Amino acid sequence: MYEYLTGLVTSVTPQYVVLEVGGIGYQLFVANPYRFQEDAEKRVRIYVYQAVRDDNISLFGFVDRAEKQLFLQLINVSGIGPKSALAILANPDHQGLIDAIANDNVGYLTKFPGIGKKTASQIVLDLKDKVADMTSTPLLTPADLPDEEAPALRDALAALSALGYKEREVKRIKKQLLKTDATTTQEYLSQALTMIN
C-alpha cells in the first residue's frame, strides 16, 4: 500500500492529475485537480490511496494526510465509494463537512451529488464519533502542516532562524521545502539555503 508519491505534476485534467515519479506517470484521481495547477511541472508530495477491484486498479490523491484520512472514513460508510467520497471532498470547506457530521446536520450533507437523506444519515451515524476530535482543527494544506509532521524540517527551520533569517523568509521557505523529497535536517537545510541564495 502506498502512503504518498513525490514527483512532478506533468498534467492537470478535470478528473485527475498525472504525477511523474522515476520516469513513470501515475494517474491520480483527486477531489479538485485544479488545486494542483500552480504546481504544474513542480516537485510535490501527494498522499495516495490505491483502490483495487476485479476489473480496475485506481489511485486517488490528496493534498495532505488529513484529507486522506477524511476520505478513508467516508469510503467506510455504506453506500459511499471512492468517486462519491471525492465528490464530497471537492467542496473546499472540509471543516464545514466535519462540523455537519458532528452536529447531525443531514441537510448540509444532502447538497453533495448522489447523497440522499438515507446516505447522509448513515454518514452521521458512522462518522460522528470519529470526526469529533477533528471539529476544532481545520484540515491543513501541505504548506501549513504542523512541524511534528517532520521533526527534521522543524530543526532545519530553527537553524535558519539561528542563522539570522527573518520569520517571514523562514515561513516562505517552509512552504517550498514541504514540496521537496528531503527527509533529514541536513537535506532540508541544504535545499533551504539554495532557495534563499
Protein backbone atom coordinates (compact mmCIF):
# COMPACT_ATOMS: atom_id res chain seq x y z
CA MET A 1 0.00 0.00 0.00
CA TYR A 2 1.28 3.46 -0.92
CA GLU A 3 1.37 6.33 1.61
CA TYR A 4 2.42 9.09 -0.76
CA LEU A 5 4.23 9.76 -4.02
CA THR A 6 6.69 12.57 -4.66
CA GLY A 7 7.29 13.74 -8.19
CA LEU A 8 6.48 16.26 -10.92
CA VAL A 9 2.92 17.25 -11.79
CA THR A 10 3.03 16.89 -15.58
CA SER A 11 -0.68 17.13 -16.40
CA VAL A 12 -3.85 18.53 -14.83
CA THR A 13 -7.23 17.45 -16.25
CA PRO A 14 -10.81 17.95 -14.98
CA GLN A 15 -10.79 14.47 -13.36
CA TYR A 16 -7.18 13.69 -12.46
CA VAL A 17 -3.57 14.80 -12.35
CA VAL A 18 -0.54 12.95 -13.67
CA LEU A 19 2.42 12.73 -11.30
CA GLU A 20 5.70 11.61 -12.83
CA VAL A 21 7.82 9.59 -10.40
CA GLY A 22 11.04 7.98 -11.62
CA GLY A 23 10.03 8.21 -15.26
CA ILE A 24 6.56 6.71 -14.64
CA GLY A 25 3.40 8.83 -14.93
CA TYR A 26 0.82 7.95 -12.27
CA GLN A 27 -2.80 8.90 -12.92
CA LEU A 28 -4.21 10.19 -9.64
CA PHE A 29 -7.91 10.92 -9.26
CA VAL A 30 -8.22 13.93 -6.95
CA ALA A 31 -11.09 15.92 -5.46
CA ASN A 32 -10.20 19.15 -7.26
CA PRO A 33 -7.42 18.72 -9.84
CA TYR A 34 -7.09 22.46 -10.36
CA ARG A 35 -5.68 22.85 -6.85
CA PHE A 36 -2.55 21.35 -8.41
CA GLN A 37 -2.50 23.75 -11.37
CA GLU A 38 0.01 26.06 -9.68
CA ASP A 39 2.22 23.04 -9.03
CA ALA A 40 2.44 22.07 -12.71
CA GLU A 41 5.99 20.99 -13.54
CA LYS A 42 6.94 21.32 -9.86
CA ARG A 43 8.03 18.58 -7.47
CA VAL A 44 5.25 17.85 -4.97
CA ARG A 45 4.17 15.19 -2.49
CA ILE A 46 0.69 13.77 -2.96
CA TYR A 47 -0.80 11.32 -0.45
CA VAL A 48 -2.43 8.38 -2.20
CA TYR A 49 -4.93 5.58 -1.75
CA GLN A 50 -4.97 2.54 -4.04
CA ALA A 51 -8.41 1.07 -4.79
CA VAL A 52 -8.39 -2.46 -6.21
CA ARG A 53 -11.41 -4.04 -7.87
CA ASP A 54 -11.81 -7.12 -10.05
CA ASP A 55 -11.66 -5.08 -13.24
CA ASN A 56 -9.84 -1.92 -12.18
CA ILE A 57 -6.97 -0.54 -10.10
CA SER A 58 -7.13 3.20 -9.37
CA LEU A 59 -5.02 5.66 -7.42
CA PHE A 60 -6.66 8.53 -5.54
CA GLY A 61 -4.60 11.54 -4.50
CA PHE A 62 -4.86 14.03 -1.62
CA VAL A 63 -3.12 17.28 -0.74
CA ASP A 64 -2.34 16.15 2.80
CA ARG A 65 -2.71 13.32 5.29
CA ALA A 66 -5.79 14.91 6.90
CA GLU A 67 -7.69 14.92 3.59
CA LYS A 68 -6.70 11.30 3.01
CA GLN A 69 -7.94 10.30 6.47
CA LEU A 70 -11.27 12.01 5.86
CA PHE A 71 -11.54 10.16 2.52
CA LEU A 72 -10.81 6.82 4.22
CA GLN A 73 -13.51 7.48 6.79
CA LEU A 74 -16.03 8.37 4.09
CA ILE A 75 -15.44 5.24 2.00
CA ASN A 76 -16.06 3.10 5.08
CA VAL A 77 -19.65 4.36 5.13
CA SER A 78 -22.14 2.02 3.46
CA GLY A 79 -23.14 3.47 0.09
CA ILE A 80 -20.08 5.72 -0.30
CA GLY A 81 -17.47 4.64 -2.86
CA PRO A 82 -14.19 6.36 -3.75
CA LYS A 83 -15.74 8.51 -6.51
CA SER A 84 -18.56 9.65 -4.21
CA ALA A 85 -16.05 10.45 -1.46
CA LEU A 86 -14.01 12.55 -3.91
CA ALA A 87 -17.14 14.42 -4.97
CA ILE A 88 -17.78 15.29 -1.32
CA LEU A 89 -14.17 16.38 -0.78
CA ALA A 90 -14.29 18.59 -3.91
CA ASN A 91 -16.03 21.16 -1.72
CA PRO A 92 -13.13 23.17 -0.24
CA ASP A 93 -14.99 23.64 3.07
CA HIS A 94 -13.79 20.44 4.72
CA GLN A 95 -14.30 21.96 8.15
CA GLY A 96 -17.95 22.61 7.27
CA LEU A 97 -18.29 18.93 6.34
CA ILE A 98 -16.74 17.83 9.62
CA ASP A 99 -18.96 20.21 11.61
CA ALA A 100 -22.06 18.98 9.77
CA ILE A 101 -21.26 15.37 10.65
CA ALA A 102 -20.53 16.26 14.27
CA ASN A 103 -23.75 18.26 14.61
CA ASP A 104 -26.15 15.83 12.85
CA ASN A 105 -26.69 18.33 10.01
CA VAL A 106 -28.15 15.91 7.45
CA GLY A 107 -29.40 18.79 5.30
CA TYR A 108 -25.86 20.04 4.70
CA LEU A 109 -24.73 16.59 3.59
CA THR A 110 -27.57 16.10 1.09
CA LYS A 111 -26.27 19.00 -1.02
CA PHE A 112 -23.45 16.77 -2.28
CA PRO A 113 -24.02 14.89 -5.58
CA GLY A 114 -25.62 11.47 -5.11
CA ILE A 115 -26.10 11.90 -1.34
CA GLY A 116 -29.72 11.45 -0.27
CA LYS A 117 -31.15 11.66 3.24
CA LYS A 118 -30.59 7.97 3.91
CA THR A 119 -26.91 8.08 2.96
CA ALA A 120 -26.42 11.41 4.77
CA SER A 121 -27.92 9.90 7.93
CA GLN A 122 -25.61 6.90 7.54
CA ILE A 123 -22.58 9.22 7.25
CA VAL A 124 -23.56 10.95 10.50
CA LEU A 125 -24.23 7.64 12.26
CA ASP A 126 -20.93 6.06 11.18
CA LEU A 127 -18.62 9.05 11.47
CA LYS A 128 -19.91 11.33 14.23
CA ASP A 129 -17.63 9.86 16.88
CA LYS A 130 -14.69 9.52 14.50
CA VAL A 131 -14.64 13.18 13.44
CA ALA A 132 -15.37 14.60 16.89
CA ASP A 133 -11.70 15.22 17.58
CA MET A 134 -11.29 17.00 14.22
CA THR A 135 -14.01 19.63 14.73
CA SER A 136 -11.74 22.18 16.36
CA THR A 137 -8.82 21.59 14.00
CA PRO A 138 -9.26 22.72 10.39
CA LEU A 139 -7.80 20.49 7.74
CA LEU A 140 -4.45 21.85 6.64
CA THR A 141 -2.87 22.48 3.30
CA PRO A 142 0.56 20.93 2.71
CA ALA A 143 2.23 24.28 3.37
CA ASP A 144 0.60 24.50 6.82
CA LEU A 145 1.35 21.01 8.14
CA PRO A 146 2.37 21.09 11.80
CA ASP A 147 6.08 20.80 12.46
CA GLU A 148 5.61 17.46 14.24
CA GLU A 149 4.84 16.03 10.80
CA ALA A 150 8.55 16.41 10.07
CA PRO A 151 10.88 16.92 13.06
CA ALA A 152 13.80 17.23 10.64
CA LEU A 153 12.04 20.14 8.91
CA ARG A 154 11.38 21.81 12.27
CA ASP A 155 15.07 21.55 13.16
CA ALA A 156 16.11 22.94 9.78
CA LEU A 157 13.78 25.92 10.16
CA ALA A 158 15.16 26.57 13.66
CA ALA A 159 18.66 26.53 12.18
CA LEU A 160 17.63 29.12 9.60
CA SER A 161 16.31 31.37 12.36
CA ALA A 162 19.55 30.91 14.28
CA LEU A 163 21.45 31.96 11.16
CA GLY A 164 19.58 35.27 11.23
CA TYR A 165 16.91 34.78 8.59
CA LYS A 166 13.67 36.67 9.26
CA GLU A 167 10.49 34.85 10.27
CA ARG A 168 8.71 35.88 7.07
CA GLU A 169 11.53 34.40 4.97
CA VAL A 170 11.56 31.18 7.00
CA LYS A 171 7.79 30.73 6.52
CA ARG A 172 8.15 31.24 2.77
CA ILE A 173 10.95 28.66 2.62
CA LYS A 174 8.91 26.20 4.70
CA LYS A 175 6.19 26.13 2.05
CA GLN A 176 8.76 25.34 -0.63
CA LEU A 177 10.51 22.70 1.48
CA LEU A 178 7.25 20.81 2.05
CA LYS A 179 7.13 20.19 -1.70
CA THR A 180 10.56 18.56 -1.78
CA ASP A 181 11.54 14.97 -1.02
CA ALA A 182 14.04 15.92 1.71
CA THR A 183 13.88 13.74 4.82
CA THR A 184 16.81 14.74 7.04
CA THR A 185 17.62 18.05 8.73
CA GLN A 186 20.76 18.40 6.60
CA GLU A 187 18.82 17.83 3.35
CA TYR A 188 16.17 20.38 4.33
CA LEU A 189 18.80 22.91 5.37
CA SER A 190 20.85 22.40 2.22
CA GLN A 191 17.81 22.90 -0.01
CA ALA A 192 16.64 25.89 2.04
CA LEU A 193 19.97 27.66 1.65
CA THR A 194 19.86 27.02 -2.09
CA MET A 195 16.37 28.54 -2.28
CA ILE A 196 17.33 31.61 -0.29
CA ASN A 197 20.56 32.36 -2.16
